[in-house]
Amino acid sequence: MERSNIEIEKDHEGYVIFRTTCECGVENHSIKVIVDEEMGIPIATLFFECGWRDEWKAKWWKILWRRLKCACFLLFKGHLYLDEDFIFRSGEHLEDFLHALEQASEQVRKGWERKQKKDEKTA
């Protein structure tokens, strides 16, 4: 797959990771499409990696209050929800991501076909 906006991190039989990064400039902001087989069943997973940074222009006490509030919510509620925007600045970047999804779909389909053939042989 020759796409400039998609990295292939690992690629071997039945397992591949496609990764694209957000164009917002934050280094740990990406989407991974992971194709794998779990217990013989082919699956595709979307993994969103995002980071949270404080606003550097805010007052120190506002930053501290926001951090304490999030820490207490996580400590007492057991979960914390964050949302992030993912930026595709060009049609090519979006097309490359869609192509990676199509590749993942094809790999999952082929995995199901292999599983069905294997099940037919054992039956």
N, C-alpha and C. Protein backbone atom coordinates (compact mmCIF):
# COMPACT_ATOMS: atom_id res chain seq x y z
N MET A 1 0.85 -1.19 0.00
CA MET A 1 0.00 0.00 0.00
C MET A 1 0.89 1.24 0.00
N GLU A 2 0.84 2.02 -1.04
CA GLU A 2 1.65 3.22 -1.17
C GLU A 2 0.78 4.45 -0.92
N ARG A 3 0.63 4.82 0.32
CA ARG A 3 -0.14 6.01 0.66
C ARG A 3 0.72 6.87 1.56
N SER A 4 0.85 8.15 1.24
CA SER A 4 1.77 9.01 1.96
C SER A 4 1.31 9.37 3.38
N ASN A 5 0.02 9.33 3.66
CA ASN A 5 -0.49 9.73 4.96
C ASN A 5 -0.75 8.56 5.89
N ILE A 6 -0.47 7.35 5.45
CA ILE A 6 -0.73 6.15 6.24
C ILE A 6 0.59 5.41 6.45
N GLU A 7 0.88 5.06 7.71
CA GLU A 7 2.04 4.24 8.01
C GLU A 7 1.54 2.82 8.29
N ILE A 8 2.27 1.85 7.81
CA ILE A 8 1.98 0.47 8.16
C ILE A 8 3.00 0.08 9.21
N GLU A 9 2.52 -0.10 10.47
CA GLU A 9 3.43 -0.36 11.56
C GLU A 9 3.87 -1.82 11.63
N LYS A 10 2.95 -2.73 11.46
CA LYS A 10 3.27 -4.16 11.47
C LYS A 10 2.43 -4.82 10.39
N ASP A 11 3.03 -5.75 9.72
CA ASP A 11 2.30 -6.41 8.63
C ASP A 11 2.81 -7.83 8.49
N HIS A 12 2.01 -8.80 8.84
CA HIS A 12 2.28 -10.20 8.56
C HIS A 12 0.94 -10.92 8.43
N GLU A 13 0.97 -12.18 8.15
CA GLU A 13 -0.25 -12.94 7.85
C GLU A 13 -1.32 -12.75 8.93
N GLY A 14 -2.43 -12.14 8.56
CA GLY A 14 -3.56 -12.00 9.48
C GLY A 14 -3.42 -10.87 10.48
N TYR A 15 -2.36 -10.06 10.40
CA TYR A 15 -2.18 -8.99 11.38
C TYR A 15 -1.54 -7.79 10.71
N VAL A 16 -2.19 -6.64 10.81
CA VAL A 16 -1.63 -5.42 10.23
C VAL A 16 -2.13 -4.22 11.04
N ILE A 17 -1.28 -3.19 11.15
CA ILE A 17 -1.67 -1.94 11.81
C ILE A 17 -1.45 -0.81 10.83
N PHE A 18 -2.53 -0.11 10.48
CA PHE A 18 -2.45 1.11 9.69
C PHE A 18 -2.55 2.28 10.67
N ARG A 19 -1.69 3.29 10.52
CA ARG A 19 -1.70 4.42 11.44
C ARG A 19 -1.67 5.72 10.65
N THR A 20 -2.51 6.67 11.06
CA THR A 20 -2.47 8.01 10.50
C THR A 20 -2.47 9.01 11.65
N THR A 21 -1.81 10.13 11.46
CA THR A 21 -1.72 11.13 12.50
C THR A 21 -2.59 12.33 12.16
N CYS A 22 -3.05 12.98 13.21
CA CYS A 22 -3.86 14.19 13.07
C CYS A 22 -2.96 15.32 12.58
N GLU A 23 -3.51 16.23 11.86
CA GLU A 23 -2.73 17.36 11.35
C GLU A 23 -2.83 18.59 12.24
N CYS A 24 -3.12 18.35 13.53
CA CYS A 24 -3.20 19.46 14.47
C CYS A 24 -1.83 19.83 15.04
N GLY A 25 -0.84 18.96 14.89
CA GLY A 25 0.50 19.26 15.37
C GLY A 25 0.88 18.57 16.67
N VAL A 26 -0.06 17.95 17.35
CA VAL A 26 0.26 17.23 18.59
C VAL A 26 0.81 15.86 18.20
N GLU A 27 1.98 15.51 18.77
CA GLU A 27 2.66 14.30 18.31
C GLU A 27 1.96 13.00 18.69
N ASN A 28 1.19 12.97 19.77
CA ASN A 28 0.55 11.71 20.18
C ASN A 28 -0.95 11.73 19.88
N HIS A 29 -1.31 12.18 18.71
CA HIS A 29 -2.71 12.25 18.31
C HIS A 29 -2.85 11.48 17.01
N SER A 30 -3.37 10.25 17.08
CA SER A 30 -3.42 9.42 15.89
C SER A 30 -4.60 8.45 15.97
N ILE A 31 -4.86 7.82 14.83
CA ILE A 31 -5.85 6.75 14.74
C ILE A 31 -5.13 5.54 14.16
N LYS A 32 -5.33 4.40 14.80
CA LYS A 32 -4.79 3.14 14.28
C LYS A 32 -5.95 2.25 13.90
N VAL A 33 -5.82 1.60 12.77
CA VAL A 33 -6.75 0.55 12.34
C VAL A 33 -5.98 -0.75 12.48
N ILE A 34 -6.40 -1.59 13.42
CA ILE A 34 -5.70 -2.82 13.72
C ILE A 34 -6.53 -4.00 13.23
N VAL A 35 -5.93 -4.82 12.39
CA VAL A 35 -6.58 -6.03 11.89
C VAL A 35 -5.84 -7.21 12.51
N ASP A 36 -6.59 -8.07 13.19
CA ASP A 36 -5.99 -9.17 13.93
C ASP A 36 -6.97 -10.32 14.01
N GLU A 37 -6.52 -11.44 14.49
CA GLU A 37 -7.41 -12.57 14.75
C GLU A 37 -7.39 -12.85 16.24
N GLU A 38 -8.56 -12.76 16.86
CA GLU A 38 -8.73 -13.06 18.27
C GLU A 38 -9.39 -14.42 18.39
N MET A 39 -8.67 -15.39 18.91
CA MET A 39 -9.19 -16.75 19.10
C MET A 39 -9.75 -17.30 17.78
N GLY A 40 -9.03 -17.02 16.68
CA GLY A 40 -9.43 -17.55 15.39
C GLY A 40 -10.48 -16.74 14.66
N ILE A 41 -10.94 -15.66 15.26
CA ILE A 41 -11.97 -14.84 14.63
C ILE A 41 -11.33 -13.53 14.16
N PRO A 42 -11.38 -13.24 12.85
CA PRO A 42 -10.78 -12.01 12.34
C PRO A 42 -11.60 -10.77 12.75
N ILE A 43 -10.89 -9.76 13.23
CA ILE A 43 -11.55 -8.51 13.66
C ILE A 43 -10.73 -7.31 13.19
N ALA A 44 -11.40 -6.18 13.11
CA ALA A 44 -10.74 -4.89 12.86
C ALA A 44 -11.12 -3.97 14.01
N THR A 45 -10.13 -3.27 14.53
CA THR A 45 -10.33 -2.39 15.68
C THR A 45 -9.82 -1.00 15.33
N LEU A 46 -10.57 0.02 15.71
CA LEU A 46 -10.09 1.40 15.60
C LEU A 46 -9.59 1.82 16.98
N PHE A 47 -8.36 2.31 17.04
CA PHE A 47 -7.76 2.75 18.29
C PHE A 47 -7.43 4.23 18.14
N PHE A 48 -8.00 5.04 19.01
CA PHE A 48 -7.78 6.49 18.96
C PHE A 48 -6.82 6.87 20.07
N GLU A 49 -5.71 7.48 19.72
CA GLU A 49 -4.73 7.94 20.69
C GLU A 49 -4.81 9.47 20.73
N CYS A 50 -5.05 9.99 21.92
CA CYS A 50 -5.08 11.45 22.05
C CYS A 50 -4.47 11.83 23.39
N GLY A 51 -3.99 13.02 23.46
CA GLY A 51 -3.39 13.53 24.68
C GLY A 51 -4.15 14.73 25.18
N TRP A 52 -3.97 15.03 26.45
CA TRP A 52 -4.63 16.20 27.02
C TRP A 52 -3.57 17.13 27.53
N ARG A 53 -3.62 18.35 27.07
CA ARG A 53 -2.66 19.36 27.52
C ARG A 53 -3.44 20.53 28.09
N ASP A 54 -2.85 21.14 29.10
CA ASP A 54 -3.46 22.33 29.68
C ASP A 54 -3.24 23.52 28.76
N GLU A 55 -4.15 24.45 28.85
CA GLU A 55 -3.97 25.69 28.10
C GLU A 55 -2.82 26.46 28.74
N TRP A 56 -1.82 26.76 27.97
CA TRP A 56 -0.65 27.41 28.55
C TRP A 56 -0.89 28.87 28.90
N LYS A 57 -1.95 29.45 28.36
CA LYS A 57 -2.24 30.85 28.66
C LYS A 57 -3.10 31.02 29.91
N ALA A 58 -3.63 29.92 30.45
CA ALA A 58 -4.52 30.01 31.61
C ALA A 58 -3.72 30.32 32.88
N LYS A 59 -4.41 30.85 33.86
CA LYS A 59 -3.78 31.13 35.16
C LYS A 59 -3.42 29.82 35.83
N TRP A 60 -2.38 29.80 36.65
CA TRP A 60 -1.90 28.57 37.28
C TRP A 60 -2.96 27.94 38.17
N TRP A 61 -3.76 28.75 38.85
CA TRP A 61 -4.76 28.19 39.75
C TRP A 61 -5.91 27.56 38.98
N LYS A 62 -6.21 28.07 37.77
CA LYS A 62 -7.24 27.44 36.94
C LYS A 62 -6.75 26.09 36.42
N ILE A 63 -5.47 26.03 36.03
CA ILE A 63 -4.89 24.77 35.58
C ILE A 63 -4.91 23.75 36.71
N LEU A 64 -4.50 24.17 37.92
CA LEU A 64 -4.47 23.27 39.07
C LEU A 64 -5.88 22.79 39.41
N TRP A 65 -6.87 23.69 39.39
CA TRP A 65 -8.25 23.31 39.70
C TRP A 65 -8.77 22.29 38.68
N ARG A 66 -8.51 22.50 37.39
CA ARG A 66 -8.96 21.58 36.36
C ARG A 66 -8.32 20.20 36.55
N ARG A 67 -7.02 20.19 36.87
CA ARG A 67 -6.33 18.91 37.10
C ARG A 67 -6.89 18.19 38.32
N LEU A 68 -7.12 18.92 39.40
CA LEU A 68 -7.68 18.30 40.61
C LEU A 68 -9.08 17.76 40.36
N LYS A 69 -9.89 18.53 39.65
CA LYS A 69 -11.25 18.11 39.34
C LYS A 69 -11.24 16.80 38.53
N CYS A 70 -10.39 16.73 37.52
CA CYS A 70 -10.30 15.50 36.71
C CYS A 70 -9.76 14.34 37.54
N ALA A 71 -8.75 14.60 38.37
CA ALA A 71 -8.18 13.53 39.19
C ALA A 71 -9.21 13.00 40.19
N CYS A 72 -9.97 13.89 40.81
CA CYS A 72 -11.01 13.44 41.77
C CYS A 72 -12.12 12.68 41.06
N PHE A 73 -12.51 13.15 39.90
CA PHE A 73 -13.55 12.45 39.14
C PHE A 73 -13.08 11.03 38.81
N LEU A 74 -11.84 10.90 38.35
CA LEU A 74 -11.30 9.59 38.03
C LEU A 74 -11.16 8.73 39.28
N LEU A 75 -10.72 9.31 40.38
CA LEU A 75 -10.53 8.57 41.62
C LEU A 75 -11.85 8.07 42.19
N PHE A 76 -12.87 8.91 42.22
CA PHE A 76 -14.12 8.54 42.87
C PHE A 76 -15.17 7.92 41.93
N LYS A 77 -15.16 8.28 40.68
CA LYS A 77 -16.12 7.72 39.73
C LYS A 77 -15.55 6.53 38.97
N GLY A 78 -14.23 6.48 38.82
CA GLY A 78 -13.59 5.35 38.15
C GLY A 78 -13.45 5.49 36.65
N HIS A 79 -13.86 6.60 36.09
CA HIS A 79 -13.71 6.80 34.65
C HIS A 79 -13.62 8.30 34.36
N LEU A 80 -13.10 8.60 33.20
CA LEU A 80 -12.97 9.98 32.77
C LEU A 80 -13.19 9.99 31.26
N TYR A 81 -14.06 10.82 30.79
CA TYR A 81 -14.36 10.91 29.36
C TYR A 81 -13.69 12.14 28.77
N LEU A 82 -12.98 11.92 27.68
CA LEU A 82 -12.36 13.01 26.95
C LEU A 82 -12.82 12.92 25.50
N ASP A 83 -12.90 14.03 24.84
CA ASP A 83 -13.17 13.99 23.40
C ASP A 83 -12.15 14.86 22.69
N GLU A 84 -11.86 14.49 21.49
CA GLU A 84 -10.87 15.18 20.68
C GLU A 84 -11.37 15.29 19.26
N ASP A 85 -10.94 16.31 18.58
CA ASP A 85 -11.21 16.44 17.15
C ASP A 85 -10.05 15.81 16.40
N PHE A 86 -10.32 15.23 15.27
CA PHE A 86 -9.26 14.69 14.41
C PHE A 86 -9.32 15.45 13.10
N ILE A 87 -8.21 16.02 12.70
CA ILE A 87 -8.19 16.93 11.56
C ILE A 87 -7.58 16.25 10.33
N PHE A 88 -8.35 16.22 9.25
CA PHE A 88 -7.86 15.84 7.93
C PHE A 88 -7.84 17.14 7.13
N ARG A 89 -6.66 17.66 6.83
CA ARG A 89 -6.59 18.95 6.14
C ARG A 89 -6.67 18.84 4.63
N SER A 90 -6.51 17.64 4.12
CA SER A 90 -6.57 17.51 2.67
C SER A 90 -7.45 16.33 2.30
N GLY A 91 -8.00 16.39 1.11
CA GLY A 91 -8.80 15.29 0.62
C GLY A 91 -7.95 14.04 0.46
N GLU A 92 -6.67 14.21 0.12
CA GLU A 92 -5.77 13.07 -0.05
C GLU A 92 -5.59 12.32 1.27
N HIS A 93 -5.44 13.06 2.37
CA HIS A 93 -5.29 12.43 3.69
C HIS A 93 -6.53 11.61 4.04
N LEU A 94 -7.69 12.19 3.81
CA LEU A 94 -8.94 11.48 4.08
C LEU A 94 -9.09 10.27 3.17
N GLU A 95 -8.77 10.42 1.89
CA GLU A 95 -8.84 9.30 0.95
C GLU A 95 -7.88 8.18 1.36
N ASP A 96 -6.69 8.54 1.83
CA ASP A 96 -5.73 7.52 2.29
C ASP A 96 -6.28 6.77 3.49
N PHE A 97 -6.93 7.47 4.41
CA PHE A 97 -7.53 6.82 5.57
C PHE A 97 -8.66 5.89 5.16
N LEU A 98 -9.50 6.35 4.25
CA LEU A 98 -10.59 5.50 3.75
C LEU A 98 -10.05 4.27 3.03
N HIS A 99 -8.95 4.44 2.31
CA HIS A 99 -8.32 3.30 1.65
C HIS A 99 -7.80 2.30 2.69
N ALA A 100 -7.24 2.80 3.79
CA ALA A 100 -6.77 1.90 4.86
C ALA A 100 -7.95 1.13 5.45
N LEU A 101 -9.10 1.79 5.62
CA LEU A 101 -10.29 1.09 6.11
C LEU A 101 -10.74 0.01 5.13
N GLU A 102 -10.68 0.32 3.85
CA GLU A 102 -11.03 -0.68 2.83
C GLU A 102 -10.07 -1.87 2.88
N GLN A 103 -8.77 -1.59 3.06
CA GLN A 103 -7.78 -2.66 3.18
C GLN A 103 -8.07 -3.52 4.40
N ALA A 104 -8.43 -2.87 5.52
CA ALA A 104 -8.75 -3.60 6.74
C ALA A 104 -9.98 -4.48 6.52
N SER A 105 -10.99 -3.94 5.84
CA SER A 105 -12.20 -4.70 5.54
C SER A 105 -11.86 -5.92 4.70
N GLU A 106 -11.01 -5.74 3.72
CA GLU A 106 -10.60 -6.85 2.85
C GLU A 106 -9.85 -7.92 3.65
N GLN A 107 -8.97 -7.49 4.55
CA GLN A 107 -8.22 -8.46 5.37
C GLN A 107 -9.15 -9.24 6.28
N VAL A 108 -10.15 -8.58 6.87
CA VAL A 108 -11.10 -9.28 7.73
C VAL A 108 -11.92 -10.27 6.91
N ARG A 109 -12.36 -9.86 5.72
CA ARG A 109 -13.11 -10.76 4.85
C ARG A 109 -12.30 -12.00 4.51
N LYS A 110 -11.02 -11.79 4.14
CA LYS A 110 -10.15 -12.93 3.82
C LYS A 110 -9.94 -13.82 5.04
N GLY A 111 -9.85 -13.21 6.21
CA GLY A 111 -9.70 -13.99 7.45
C GLY A 111 -10.91 -14.87 7.71
N TRP A 112 -12.11 -14.33 7.46
CA TRP A 112 -13.33 -15.12 7.62
C TRP A 112 -13.39 -16.26 6.62
N GLU A 113 -12.94 -16.00 5.39
CA GLU A 113 -12.91 -17.06 4.39
C GLU A 113 -11.95 -18.17 4.80
N ARG A 114 -10.76 -17.80 5.32
CA ARG A 114 -9.81 -18.81 5.80
C ARG A 114 -10.42 -19.61 6.95
N LYS A 115 -11.10 -18.93 7.86
CA LYS A 115 -11.72 -19.61 9.00
C LYS A 115 -12.79 -20.59 8.54
N GLN A 116 -13.62 -20.17 7.58
CA GLN A 116 -14.69 -21.04 7.08
C GLN A 116 -14.11 -22.28 6.40
N LYS A 117 -13.04 -22.11 5.61
CA LYS A 117 -12.40 -23.25 4.95
C LYS A 117 -11.81 -24.20 6.00
N LYS A 118 -11.21 -23.62 7.02
CA LYS A 118 -10.62 -24.44 8.08
C LYS A 118 -11.71 -25.21 8.84
N ASP A 119 -12.83 -24.53 9.12
CA ASP A 119 -13.94 -25.19 9.82
C ASP A 119 -14.55 -26.30 8.98
N GLU A 120 -14.63 -26.10 7.64
CA GLU A 120 -15.17 -27.12 6.75
C GLU A 120 -14.28 -28.37 6.71
N LYS A 121 -12.97 -28.15 6.77
CA LYS A 121 -12.03 -29.27 6.74
C LYS A 121 -12.12 -30.10 8.03
N THR A 122 -12.36 -29.42 9.16
CA THR A 122 -12.40 -30.13 10.45
C THR A 122 -13.77 -30.77 10.70
N ALA A 123 -14.79 -30.34 9.95
CA ALA A 123 -16.14 -30.88 10.18
C ALA A 123 -16.36 -32.21 9.52
